[in-house]
Every structure is written in C-alpha cells, then in structure tokens.
Amino acid sequence: MNKKNKTNIFFIGVLFLSALFVSCDTEYIDKVNTIPGDVIKVPGYTQIESFTFKDTENNSVQAAITEENIIVTWSSHIIMPETIKPEIVLGTEATITPASGTEIPFKDGAVYTVTSKAGTTKKYTLKIDFRQKEPTAWNYNYGSSLIKGSLQSMINPARSGSNSIDNLWLSKEQTRVYLVSAADQKTEYTAETVYVGIGNGVAPFNNYGVYFFLAEDTPVGTYELRIKNGAYVIQNVNVENRYKIEVTEPTAFKVELYGTLSEKQAGDTFEIRGGLLNTLTSVQIFNSASSTVTYPVEVVSSTAYRAVLKIPAGTPAGTYNRMRFYRGTANTLTAFTVTIK
C-alpha cells in the first residue's frame, strides 16, 4: 500500500470517529437529558413547582421558589409553628429529600435536594423572610413589685390602647425577659420565659402577652424590666419610672398553676412552682366531685421556689382536679390538675 492510500484511509477514519462522537454527544435542551445514541429521553427536571404548608390556624402558606431558596414570608402577628409538614410538587418524575409531607423544624437552613430521573440534582435552602412590626411598649407612671417564685406577666387583656404591650412576635424562642439593676444600670438577670402568645382564657395564661419567672439568683433590689422580642427591645415608655420595680422574696405560701393539666403515671414525678415551697410537709390530691376520697402525693424535694412531687404506686387512674398543700396544720387548696393514666 502506498503512502497516498494510507493517508486517505487515515482521513476517512478521522471523519468516521468525528461523526460517531457528534451523534453520541449528550444533549441538554429545556432541562431534558438525552441519553447518548438518541435511544431514549429521560426527564432532567430539578425544580420545585410549589411548596405549601399549614400554619397554626390551619391556613395554607405558600412559599416562593427561587433558583436556590424556598422563601416563606412571615408576619410577627401570626404564631410561628415549631415544625411544619410541607406538601411539595416537583417537576416530571423528580424526587426530593426530605420527602413531601416530612415534618421538619420551621427555621432557616433546612436543605432540600431534588433529584431528576436523569440523575441531576439541585439543592434548595429554606429561608424565612420575617416581617416584624415594632412592638408596642407599656407606659407605667408608678413602680411595681415582682415576687420571686411567682409567675409574672406583661399582658394586654383588651388588645387595645397605646399604653399596653402589643404587636409581639409570638415566639417564646425569640423573646428574652430580663431585669437591669438600678444600682449600676448594667447588671442583667435573665428571667425564664414560659409563654408568649394570645392567651387561651385558661389559667395561668389567660391573656395576650409574655409570662415569666424571675431568675432564682436575682438579688432583692430595684430594677428596670426589659423585653427583647425579635429585633426590638421594649421597656417602659415613661423614662422616669424605668428603675422602680422592686424584686422581693415571697412572704406567703403560694402554688402557681403553671404546669397544671399534667398527665402522669403512678411512680412519675412532676414539678410545681411558687413561694415558700420548702415549708411543705404533705400533699393530697382528689377530684372535686368526690372530695372525701383523697390520695397522698410524695414530696421528693423542695426549695423556696420549686418542689418535686411523686405520684405513689397504686394511686388509681383518673383525673384529680384539686391539690391540697399542707404546712403542718395550715393548708392551701388549689385547682392544680393531674390526670393519672
């Protein structure tokens, strides 16, 4: 074979391989992945079509979908759920992780991965676009007293008037209640926030507002009360009366209804809060429908502000809507309710 023929054969071979590679090249048109050889087309959709969930009042909330994010716009006047179960609609034959209907925490950062049938993937991050209106502060022209161990609150029963707390971000996690010492106007003591909401009409959270217990290490003295709610710090509008709140120790026995409607089993323990609880000597429970039938509750431990009680083994199952607390011969009756399973 002469040199010229070898050159022709080489040239023809190059043309053949070039044609083969062109015909087998992967094509990606309108997010549809074409399998090499044009034998079959497999969907390559990785987009989220819709992302919806229910709020705490069972209303549907629709998220906005961008190239990288799932954005939920949220207003501070709506109670923020701790978790959500989104219903997610995807492009043709795509799958998503976590799956549609999976319960997730309702907060920034949850990552969803969409996988197309062609194997391509795309990630979306949940973002909460929070729209908070500045809360309304209170206006007191006098001081007040806060007793350690007692349930405290800053409330607005009527949800009206410019001198009451309002427009709160109804999130306990986004609320910090604290006292600032009048002595140096710097030292802070963070209270235990136990409820932020619209109120349920049932003690102890009857009204709209913030409920809290003072930190047990807060010294007796004079303070200013402040509440950080979301991006805002609210305090007494009346500047002259900001450092006139007196923190005192309890002088009378008291049991709060915080923690009531508890469900327990015989042998379980539970905690009560209040004042002078270290003076407890015994406790009884009963149902008001048959007040003569009572059952003892064991006092496991107690401090001035807390007591741990235990349901003795053998206590019959049922709902006990009264609890009597003895300190020697003195006693206090409360509507603290415990259901024993």
Protein backbone atom coordinates (compact mmCIF):
# COMPACT_ATOMS: atom_id res chain seq x y z
CA MET A 1 0.00 0.00 0.00
CA ASN A 2 1.46 3.32 -1.00
CA LYS A 3 1.77 6.36 1.19
CA LYS A 4 -1.12 8.16 -0.54
CA ASN A 5 -3.59 5.35 0.19
CA LYS A 6 -2.53 5.26 3.85
CA THR A 7 -3.22 8.97 4.12
CA ASN A 8 -6.71 8.57 2.61
CA ILE A 9 -7.59 5.72 4.93
CA PHE A 10 -6.45 7.77 7.96
CA PHE A 11 -8.50 10.76 6.83
CA ILE A 12 -11.63 8.62 6.33
CA GLY A 13 -11.16 7.09 9.82
CA VAL A 14 -10.95 10.53 11.42
CA LEU A 15 -14.17 11.58 9.67
CA PHE A 16 -15.93 8.40 10.89
CA LEU A 17 -14.89 8.88 14.52
CA SER A 18 -15.86 12.55 14.39
CA ALA A 19 -19.31 11.66 13.11
CA LEU A 20 -19.66 8.98 15.79
CA PHE A 21 -18.76 11.39 18.60
CA VAL A 22 -21.15 14.05 17.31
CA SER A 23 -24.07 11.60 17.11
CA CYS A 24 -23.37 10.32 20.66
CA ASP A 25 -22.85 13.73 22.31
CA THR A 26 -25.10 14.33 25.36
CA GLU A 27 -27.73 16.92 24.61
CA TYR A 28 -29.43 19.07 27.30
CA ILE A 29 -32.39 21.02 25.98
CA ASP A 30 -35.01 22.62 28.22
CA LYS A 31 -33.72 20.55 31.16
CA VAL A 32 -34.31 17.27 29.32
CA ASN A 33 -31.30 15.00 29.33
CA THR A 34 -30.87 12.94 26.10
CA ILE A 35 -29.23 9.54 26.56
CA PRO A 36 -26.23 9.05 24.23
CA GLY A 37 -27.32 7.49 20.95
CA ASP A 38 -30.71 9.26 20.96
CA VAL A 39 -32.36 5.99 22.06
CA ILE A 40 -34.44 7.36 24.95
CA LYS A 41 -35.11 10.69 26.61
CA VAL A 42 -35.09 10.90 30.42
CA PRO A 43 -36.56 13.94 32.26
CA GLY A 44 -33.95 16.15 33.86
CA TYR A 45 -36.27 18.42 35.83
CA THR A 46 -34.88 19.53 39.21
CA GLN A 47 -37.21 22.40 40.02
CA ILE A 48 -39.76 22.67 42.84
CA GLU A 49 -43.13 23.66 41.41
CA SER A 50 -44.78 24.52 44.74
CA PHE A 51 -44.13 24.33 48.49
CA THR A 52 -47.14 24.74 50.83
CA PHE A 53 -47.90 24.00 54.49
CA LYS A 54 -50.47 24.80 57.18
CA ASP A 55 -49.96 27.46 59.84
CA THR A 56 -51.12 27.10 63.46
CA GLU A 57 -54.65 28.13 62.45
CA ASN A 58 -54.77 25.60 59.59
CA ASN A 59 -54.40 28.24 56.89
CA SER A 60 -52.32 27.38 53.80
CA VAL A 61 -48.99 29.15 53.44
CA GLN A 62 -47.32 29.24 50.02
CA ALA A 63 -43.56 29.66 49.71
CA ALA A 64 -41.79 31.47 46.87
CA ILE A 65 -39.27 29.36 44.94
CA THR A 66 -36.06 30.90 43.57
CA GLU A 67 -33.07 29.26 41.90
CA GLU A 68 -31.56 28.34 45.28
CA ASN A 69 -34.08 29.07 48.02
CA ILE A 70 -37.55 28.29 49.36
CA ILE A 71 -38.66 31.63 50.81
CA VAL A 72 -41.51 31.93 53.31
CA THR A 73 -42.69 35.43 54.22
CA TRP A 74 -43.90 35.50 57.81
CA SER A 75 -45.55 38.26 59.85
CA SER A 76 -44.89 38.67 63.55
CA HIS A 77 -48.60 38.80 64.45
CA ILE A 78 -49.01 35.15 63.37
CA ILE A 79 -47.92 32.45 65.79
CA MET A 80 -44.86 30.69 64.42
CA PRO A 81 -45.12 26.89 64.40
CA GLU A 82 -42.20 24.89 65.73
CA THR A 83 -42.48 22.36 62.90
CA ILE A 84 -44.17 22.12 59.50
CA LYS A 85 -45.16 19.31 57.11
CA PRO A 86 -44.82 20.84 53.64
CA GLU A 87 -46.59 19.43 50.62
CA ILE A 88 -44.18 19.70 47.69
CA VAL A 89 -44.96 19.45 43.98
CA LEU A 90 -41.99 18.67 41.69
CA GLY A 91 -41.17 18.61 38.01
CA THR A 92 -41.75 15.48 35.91
CA GLU A 93 -40.57 12.27 37.63
CA ALA A 94 -38.28 14.10 40.08
CA THR A 95 -37.83 13.08 43.72
CA ILE A 96 -36.97 15.16 46.77
CA THR A 97 -35.25 14.64 50.12
CA PRO A 98 -36.70 15.17 52.70
CA ALA A 99 -39.83 13.81 51.06
CA SER A 100 -43.07 15.76 50.71
CA GLY A 101 -45.07 15.54 53.94
CA THR A 102 -41.99 15.02 56.15
CA GLU A 103 -42.11 17.05 59.36
CA ILE A 104 -39.19 19.48 59.71
CA PRO A 105 -38.30 22.32 62.12
CA PHE A 106 -39.65 25.64 60.90
CA LYS A 107 -36.46 27.67 60.82
CA ASP A 108 -33.80 28.87 58.41
CA GLY A 109 -31.39 26.34 56.99
CA ALA A 110 -33.34 23.20 56.08
CA VAL A 111 -31.88 21.88 52.81
CA TYR A 112 -33.97 20.06 50.21
CA THR A 113 -32.30 18.06 47.43
CA VAL A 114 -34.23 17.45 44.21
CA THR A 115 -33.02 14.57 42.01
CA SER A 116 -34.20 14.24 38.41
CA LYS A 117 -34.78 10.90 36.74
CA ALA A 118 -31.69 11.64 34.68
CA GLY A 119 -29.66 11.77 37.90
CA THR A 120 -29.02 15.51 38.04
CA THR A 121 -29.51 17.18 41.44
CA LYS A 122 -30.24 20.61 42.81
CA LYS A 123 -30.35 21.93 46.38
CA TYR A 124 -32.82 24.42 47.83
CA THR A 125 -32.48 26.08 51.27
CA LEU A 126 -35.46 27.11 53.39
CA LYS A 127 -35.38 30.81 54.27
CA ILE A 128 -37.86 32.67 56.49
CA ASP A 129 -38.35 36.30 55.47
CA PHE A 130 -39.63 37.61 58.76
CA ARG A 131 -41.58 40.86 58.77
CA GLN A 132 -41.71 42.20 62.32
CA LYS A 133 -43.68 45.26 63.26
CA GLU A 134 -42.16 47.15 66.17
CA PRO A 135 -43.89 46.01 69.39
CA THR A 136 -45.82 48.50 71.48
CA ALA A 137 -44.28 49.08 74.92
CA TRP A 138 -46.07 49.75 78.17
CA ASN A 139 -46.36 53.08 79.97
CA TYR A 140 -46.38 52.87 83.75
CA ASN A 141 -46.17 56.02 85.84
CA TYR A 142 -45.53 54.05 89.01
CA GLY A 143 -43.32 51.28 90.27
CA SER A 144 -44.36 47.69 90.94
CA SER A 145 -43.24 44.65 92.87
CA LEU A 146 -42.13 41.30 91.44
CA ILE A 147 -42.06 38.36 93.85
CA LYS A 148 -39.52 35.62 93.26
CA GLY A 149 -41.15 32.26 92.63
CA SER A 150 -44.43 33.77 91.45
CA LEU A 151 -45.50 33.69 87.81
CA GLN A 152 -45.08 37.20 86.40
CA SER A 153 -46.54 38.65 83.23
CA MET A 154 -46.67 41.65 80.98
CA ILE A 155 -50.11 41.40 79.40
CA ASN A 156 -52.69 43.28 77.34
CA PRO A 157 -56.12 41.78 78.14
CA ALA A 158 -58.10 44.05 75.83
CA ARG A 159 -55.55 44.22 72.98
CA SER A 160 -56.20 47.92 72.78
CA GLY A 161 -54.70 51.19 73.91
CA SER A 162 -51.27 52.66 73.27
CA ASN A 163 -50.02 52.11 76.82
CA SER A 164 -50.03 48.31 76.75
CA ILE A 165 -47.70 45.71 75.26
CA ASP A 166 -48.77 44.69 71.75
CA ASN A 167 -47.55 43.66 68.27
CA LEU A 168 -45.34 40.96 69.76
CA TRP A 169 -43.57 38.34 67.73
CA LEU A 170 -45.44 35.45 69.31
CA SER A 171 -42.38 33.24 69.73
CA LYS A 172 -41.00 32.17 73.10
CA GLU A 173 -37.68 31.35 71.45
CA GLN A 174 -37.39 34.91 70.11
CA THR A 175 -38.26 36.56 73.43
CA ARG A 176 -35.93 37.37 76.30
CA VAL A 177 -37.19 38.94 79.52
CA TYR A 178 -34.54 40.46 81.75
CA LEU A 179 -34.02 42.87 84.63
CA VAL A 180 -31.38 45.61 84.70
CA SER A 181 -30.11 46.60 88.13
CA ALA A 182 -30.80 50.17 89.20
CA ALA A 183 -27.54 50.17 91.17
CA ASP A 184 -25.28 50.33 88.11
CA GLN A 185 -27.83 50.25 85.26
CA LYS A 186 -25.72 47.50 83.65
CA THR A 187 -26.01 44.20 85.54
CA GLU A 188 -28.65 41.96 83.96
CA TYR A 189 -30.63 38.97 85.22
CA THR A 190 -32.43 36.89 82.59
CA ALA A 191 -35.86 35.60 83.57
CA GLU A 192 -37.30 32.25 82.47
CA THR A 193 -39.82 32.94 79.72
CA VAL A 194 -42.54 30.27 79.83
CA TYR A 195 -45.22 31.60 77.47
CA VAL A 196 -45.61 34.19 74.71
CA GLY A 197 -48.97 34.17 72.97
CA ILE A 198 -52.51 35.38 72.55
CA GLY A 199 -53.76 33.69 75.72
CA ASN A 200 -56.16 30.79 75.91
CA GLY A 201 -58.60 32.06 78.51
CA VAL A 202 -57.47 29.35 80.93
CA ALA A 203 -55.22 29.95 83.94
CA PRO A 204 -52.41 30.65 84.10
CA PHE A 205 -52.14 32.00 80.52
CA ASN A 206 -55.43 33.86 80.33
CA ASN A 207 -54.38 36.88 78.31
CA TYR A 208 -52.23 38.11 75.44
CA GLY A 209 -48.66 38.81 76.49
CA VAL A 210 -45.45 37.46 77.99
CA TYR A 211 -45.31 35.24 81.11
CA PHE A 212 -42.13 34.57 83.05
CA PHE A 213 -40.44 33.58 86.32
CA LEU A 214 -37.61 35.65 87.77
CA ALA A 215 -34.21 34.00 87.88
CA GLU A 216 -33.80 32.47 91.34
CA ASP A 217 -30.41 34.14 91.79
CA THR A 218 -31.83 37.63 91.24
CA PRO A 219 -30.96 39.66 94.36
CA VAL A 220 -33.61 41.62 96.17
CA GLY A 221 -33.43 45.19 94.93
CA THR A 222 -34.65 47.73 92.39
CA TYR A 223 -34.63 47.09 88.66
CA GLU A 224 -35.91 48.01 85.23
CA LEU A 225 -37.83 45.40 83.26
CA ARG A 226 -36.92 44.93 79.59
CA ILE A 227 -38.19 42.51 76.97
CA LYS A 228 -36.22 41.72 73.83
CA ASN A 229 -38.70 40.49 71.25
CA GLY A 230 -37.16 39.62 67.91
CA ALA A 231 -35.14 42.62 66.72
CA TYR A 232 -36.60 45.05 69.30
CA VAL A 233 -36.01 45.81 72.97
CA ILE A 234 -39.12 47.21 74.66
CA GLN A 235 -39.27 48.93 78.01
CA ASN A 236 -41.36 51.39 79.99
CA VAL A 237 -42.17 54.40 77.83
CA ASN A 238 -42.13 56.52 80.97
CA VAL A 239 -38.38 57.09 81.33
CA GLU A 240 -38.66 58.50 84.86
CA ASN A 241 -40.15 55.25 86.14
CA ARG A 242 -37.89 52.69 84.47
CA TYR A 243 -35.87 51.74 87.55
CA LYS A 244 -38.69 51.47 90.09
CA ILE A 245 -39.52 47.75 90.05
CA GLU A 246 -38.88 46.11 93.41
CA VAL A 247 -37.81 42.46 93.48
CA THR A 248 -38.79 40.78 96.75
CA GLU A 249 -38.71 37.37 98.38
CA PRO A 250 -42.03 35.56 98.95
CA THR A 251 -43.61 36.18 102.34
CA ALA A 252 -46.64 33.90 101.88
CA PHE A 253 -47.03 30.32 100.69
CA LYS A 254 -48.18 30.12 97.07
CA VAL A 255 -48.52 27.48 94.34
CA GLU A 256 -48.77 28.59 90.73
CA LEU A 257 -50.98 26.82 88.20
CA TYR A 258 -48.10 26.69 85.74
CA GLY A 259 -47.74 23.03 84.76
CA THR A 260 -51.34 22.12 85.52
CA LEU A 261 -53.31 19.71 83.30
CA SER A 262 -50.37 17.36 83.64
CA GLU A 263 -50.62 13.72 82.54
CA LYS A 264 -48.65 11.22 84.60
CA GLN A 265 -48.45 7.59 85.57
CA ALA A 266 -48.12 6.15 89.05
CA GLY A 267 -44.47 6.45 90.02
CA ASP A 268 -43.86 9.59 87.90
CA THR A 269 -42.60 12.87 89.31
CA PHE A 270 -43.59 16.42 88.40
CA GLU A 271 -42.58 19.93 89.44
CA ILE A 272 -44.58 22.75 90.95
CA ARG A 273 -43.56 26.40 91.21
CA GLY A 274 -44.38 29.07 93.76
CA GLY A 275 -43.26 30.64 97.01
CA LEU A 276 -42.12 29.14 100.34
CA LEU A 277 -42.46 25.64 98.91
CA ASN A 278 -39.70 24.50 101.28
CA THR A 279 -42.29 24.64 104.08
CA LEU A 280 -44.33 21.78 102.58
CA THR A 281 -44.99 18.84 104.89
CA SER A 282 -47.50 16.83 102.85
CA VAL A 283 -49.72 16.97 99.74
CA GLN A 284 -53.04 15.37 98.81
CA ILE A 285 -54.93 15.07 95.51
CA PHE A 286 -58.61 14.46 94.92
CA ASN A 287 -61.44 15.11 92.49
CA SER A 288 -63.92 17.82 93.44
CA ALA A 289 -66.80 15.50 92.53
CA SER A 290 -65.84 13.20 95.44
CA SER A 291 -63.82 15.40 97.78
CA THR A 292 -63.85 12.90 100.65
CA VAL A 293 -61.67 10.43 98.72
CA THR A 294 -58.10 11.73 98.79
CA TYR A 295 -54.71 10.27 97.89
CA PRO A 296 -51.28 11.30 99.18
CA VAL A 297 -48.57 12.70 96.92
CA GLU A 298 -44.95 12.28 97.95
CA VAL A 299 -42.77 15.37 98.42
CA VAL A 300 -39.44 14.31 96.89
CA SER A 301 -37.58 17.62 97.28
CA SER A 302 -38.30 21.31 97.72
CA THR A 303 -36.74 24.76 97.69
CA ALA A 304 -38.31 28.13 98.33
CA TYR A 305 -39.44 28.35 94.69
CA ARG A 306 -39.81 24.74 93.46
CA ALA A 307 -40.94 21.35 94.70
CA VAL A 308 -40.71 17.93 93.09
CA LEU A 309 -43.69 15.68 93.80
CA LYS A 310 -44.21 11.99 93.06
CA ILE A 311 -47.38 10.00 92.34
CA PRO A 312 -47.17 6.96 94.63
CA ALA A 313 -47.52 3.48 93.14
CA GLY A 314 -51.07 2.19 93.50
CA THR A 315 -52.74 5.57 93.01
CA PRO A 316 -55.87 4.84 90.91
CA ALA A 317 -56.03 6.14 87.36
CA GLY A 318 -58.26 9.16 86.86
CA THR A 319 -58.35 12.94 86.77
CA TYR A 320 -57.66 14.79 90.02
CA ASN A 321 -58.58 18.47 89.72
CA ARG A 322 -57.74 19.56 93.25
CA MET A 323 -54.49 19.51 95.18
CA ARG A 324 -54.15 20.42 98.86
CA PHE A 325 -50.78 21.53 100.23
CA TYR A 326 -50.07 21.18 103.97
CA ARG A 327 -47.56 23.05 106.08
CA GLY A 328 -48.15 21.48 109.46
CA THR A 329 -51.77 22.28 110.29
CA ALA A 330 -52.07 25.04 107.70
CA ASN A 331 -53.15 24.07 104.22
CA THR A 332 -53.78 25.64 100.80
CA LEU A 333 -56.22 24.28 98.23
CA THR A 334 -55.50 24.80 94.50
CA ALA A 335 -57.06 23.75 91.20
CA PHE A 336 -53.83 22.12 90.05
CA THR A 337 -54.97 19.20 87.89
CA VAL A 338 -53.20 15.89 87.30
CA THR A 339 -54.51 13.04 85.16
CA ILE A 340 -53.08 9.66 86.10
CA LYS A 341 -53.14 7.14 83.28
